[in-house]
Amino acid sequence: MILEIAQIDLKPGTESDFEAGIARAAEIFREATGCRSFAVRRSIEKPQRYRLLIEWDTLENHTKDFTGSQAWQDYRAMVSPFFEAPPSVEHTELTLQAF
């Protein structure tokens, strides 16, 4: 299982519009091949910063199957107008689950 972490900084004052868009986009991820979970977290210290935490079966499910697809384009259309800059994205794998 791969965890994608996307950090998104928003234009000031667009937080509620982004949250509405990302809530609608959740269904796109629910339908995506290999997508196992989708969560959004907002920073307390920097309230214009959000992190998307998306679990994929494989890296390729995200990078090949999803990115660039029509579903990805639909998702981006819902949320990218609110981005201050392009998201920072990285993929991680579990090293330790202590408790």
C-alpha atoms as a PDB file:
ATOM      1  CA  MET A   1       0.000   0.000   0.000  1.00  0.00           C
ATOM      2  CA  ILE A   2       1.257   3.466  -0.954  1.00  0.00           C
ATOM      3  CA  LEU A   3       0.277   6.666   0.823  1.00  0.00           C
ATOM      4  CA  GLU A   4       0.214   9.754  -1.354  1.00  0.00           C
ATOM      5  CA  ILE A   5       0.620  12.999   0.583  1.00  0.00           C
ATOM      6  CA  ALA A   6      -0.321  16.134  -1.341  1.00  0.00           C
ATOM      7  CA  GLN A   7       0.268  19.472   0.337  1.00  0.00           C
ATOM      8  CA  ILE A   8      -1.914  22.235  -1.055  1.00  0.00           C
ATOM      9  CA  ASP A   9      -1.639  25.914  -0.180  1.00  0.00           C
ATOM     10  CA  LEU A  10      -4.722  27.948  -1.071  1.00  0.00           C
ATOM     11  CA  LYS A  11      -5.325  31.504  -2.154  1.00  0.00           C
ATOM     12  CA  PRO A  12      -6.496  33.538   0.853  1.00  0.00           C
ATOM     13  CA  GLY A  13     -10.250  33.442   1.370  1.00  0.00           C
ATOM     14  CA  THR A  14     -10.912  30.365  -0.795  1.00  0.00           C
ATOM     15  CA  GLU A  15     -10.929  27.762   1.961  1.00  0.00           C
ATOM     16  CA  SER A  16     -14.692  27.146   2.041  1.00  0.00           C
ATOM     17  CA  ASP A  17     -14.887  26.908  -1.761  1.00  0.00           C
ATOM     18  CA  PHE A  18     -11.986  24.444  -1.774  1.00  0.00           C
ATOM     19  CA  GLU A  19     -13.599  22.353   0.957  1.00  0.00           C
ATOM     20  CA  ALA A  20     -16.846  22.174  -1.027  1.00  0.00           C
ATOM     21  CA  GLY A  21     -14.942  21.161  -4.160  1.00  0.00           C
ATOM     22  CA  ILE A  22     -12.810  18.536  -2.466  1.00  0.00           C
ATOM     23  CA  ALA A  23     -15.912  17.035  -0.837  1.00  0.00           C
ATOM     24  CA  ARG A  24     -17.441  16.613  -4.301  1.00  0.00           C
ATOM     25  CA  ALA A  25     -14.142  15.216  -5.607  1.00  0.00           C
ATOM     26  CA  ALA A  26     -14.152  12.456  -2.974  1.00  0.00           C
ATOM     27  CA  GLU A  27     -16.500  10.428  -5.177  1.00  0.00           C
ATOM     28  CA  ILE A  28     -13.978  10.581  -8.023  1.00  0.00           C
ATOM     29  CA  PHE A  29     -11.366   9.003  -5.780  1.00  0.00           C
ATOM     30  CA  ARG A  30     -13.845   6.411  -4.505  1.00  0.00           C
ATOM     31  CA  GLU A  31     -14.211   5.207  -8.109  1.00  0.00           C
ATOM     32  CA  ALA A  32     -10.486   5.336  -8.981  1.00  0.00           C
ATOM     33  CA  THR A  33      -8.709   2.037  -9.630  1.00  0.00           C
ATOM     34  CA  GLY A  34      -6.635   1.030  -6.610  1.00  0.00           C
ATOM     35  CA  CYS A  35      -7.693   3.927  -4.384  1.00  0.00           C
ATOM     36  CA  ARG A  36      -8.336   2.602  -0.866  1.00  0.00           C
ATOM     37  CA  SER A  37      -8.862   5.742   1.202  1.00  0.00           C
ATOM     38  CA  PHE A  38      -9.101   9.484   0.833  1.00  0.00           C
ATOM     39  CA  ALA A  39      -8.744  11.978   3.680  1.00  0.00           C
ATOM     40  CA  VAL A  40      -8.218  15.717   3.856  1.00  0.00           C
ATOM     41  CA  ARG A  41      -6.575  17.513   6.769  1.00  0.00           C
ATOM     42  CA  ARG A  42      -6.328  21.256   7.360  1.00  0.00           C
ATOM     43  CA  SER A  43      -3.365  22.795   9.132  1.00  0.00           C
ATOM     44  CA  ILE A  44      -4.089  24.484  12.435  1.00  0.00           C
ATOM     45  CA  GLU A  45      -1.014  26.706  12.298  1.00  0.00           C
ATOM     46  CA  LYS A  46      -1.469  27.568   8.602  1.00  0.00           C
ATOM     47  CA  PRO A  47      -5.217  27.394   7.888  1.00  0.00           C
ATOM     48  CA  GLN A  48      -4.694  27.960   4.139  1.00  0.00           C
ATOM     49  CA  ARG A  49      -2.686  24.697   3.980  1.00  0.00           C
ATOM     50  CA  TYR A  50      -4.340  21.330   3.410  1.00  0.00           C
ATOM     51  CA  ARG A  51      -2.958  17.841   3.054  1.00  0.00           C
ATOM     52  CA  LEU A  52      -4.623  15.121   1.051  1.00  0.00           C
ATOM     53  CA  LEU A  53      -3.816  11.627   2.353  1.00  0.00           C
ATOM     54  CA  ILE A  54      -4.687   9.081  -0.294  1.00  0.00           C
ATOM     55  CA  GLU A  55      -3.953   5.361  -0.051  1.00  0.00           C
ATOM     56  CA  TRP A  56      -3.342   3.481  -3.293  1.00  0.00           C
ATOM     57  CA  ASP A  57      -2.746  -0.230  -3.837  1.00  0.00           C
ATOM     58  CA  THR A  58       0.271   0.583  -6.017  1.00  0.00           C
ATOM     59  CA  LEU A  59       2.233   3.632  -7.068  1.00  0.00           C
ATOM     60  CA  GLU A  60       1.142   2.975 -10.650  1.00  0.00           C
ATOM     61  CA  ASN A  61      -2.540   3.176  -9.652  1.00  0.00           C
ATOM     62  CA  HIS A  62      -1.863   6.828  -8.912  1.00  0.00           C
ATOM     63  CA  THR A  63       0.848   7.788 -11.388  1.00  0.00           C
ATOM     64  CA  LYS A  64      -0.322   5.821 -14.438  1.00  0.00           C
ATOM     65  CA  ASP A  65      -3.993   4.909 -13.975  1.00  0.00           C
ATOM     66  CA  PHE A  66      -5.248   8.105 -12.339  1.00  0.00           C
ATOM     67  CA  THR A  67      -2.951  11.040 -13.128  1.00  0.00           C
ATOM     68  CA  GLY A  68      -3.823  12.457 -16.509  1.00  0.00           C
ATOM     69  CA  SER A  69      -7.098  10.518 -16.775  1.00  0.00           C
ATOM     70  CA  GLN A  70     -10.458  12.208 -17.333  1.00  0.00           C
ATOM     71  CA  ALA A  71     -11.259  11.586 -13.647  1.00  0.00           C
ATOM     72  CA  TRP A  72      -8.050  13.410 -12.650  1.00  0.00           C
ATOM     73  CA  GLN A  73      -8.936  16.298 -14.967  1.00  0.00           C
ATOM     74  CA  ASP A  74     -12.410  16.497 -13.429  1.00  0.00           C
ATOM     75  CA  TYR A  75     -10.928  16.521  -9.911  1.00  0.00           C
ATOM     76  CA  ARG A  76      -8.441  19.247 -10.827  1.00  0.00           C
ATOM     77  CA  ALA A  77     -11.194  21.365 -12.376  1.00  0.00           C
ATOM     78  CA  MET A  78     -13.070  21.254  -9.044  1.00  0.00           C
ATOM     79  CA  VAL A  79     -10.175  22.372  -6.861  1.00  0.00           C
ATOM     80  CA  SER A  80      -7.235  23.854  -8.778  1.00  0.00           C
ATOM     81  CA  PRO A  81      -8.719  27.366  -9.142  1.00  0.00           C
ATOM     82  CA  PHE A  82      -8.135  27.760  -5.403  1.00  0.00           C
ATOM     83  CA  PHE A  83      -4.461  26.706  -5.409  1.00  0.00           C
ATOM     84  CA  GLU A  84      -1.891  29.357  -4.541  1.00  0.00           C
ATOM     85  CA  ALA A  85       0.761  27.212  -6.275  1.00  0.00           C
ATOM     86  CA  PRO A  86       0.954  23.660  -7.639  1.00  0.00           C
ATOM     87  CA  PRO A  87       0.617  21.012  -4.894  1.00  0.00           C
ATOM     88  CA  SER A  88       3.660  19.303  -3.475  1.00  0.00           C
ATOM     89  CA  VAL A  89       3.158  15.539  -3.815  1.00  0.00           C
ATOM     90  CA  GLU A  90       5.126  12.613  -2.445  1.00  0.00           C
ATOM     91  CA  HIS A  91       4.511   8.903  -2.069  1.00  0.00           C
ATOM     92  CA  THR A  92       5.378   6.963   1.060  1.00  0.00           C
ATOM     93  CA  GLU A  93       5.396   3.376   2.159  1.00  0.00           C
ATOM     94  CA  LEU A  94       4.830   2.148   5.686  1.00  0.00           C
ATOM     95  CA  THR A  95       8.035   1.435   7.559  1.00  0.00           C
ATOM     96  CA  LEU A  96       6.635   0.941  11.072  1.00  0.00           C
ATOM     97  CA  GLN A  97       3.159   0.711  12.588  1.00  0.00           C
ATOM     98  CA  ALA A  98       4.025   0.869  16.285  1.00  0.00           C
ATOM     99  CA  PHE A  99       0.496   1.063  17.745  1.00  0.00           C
END
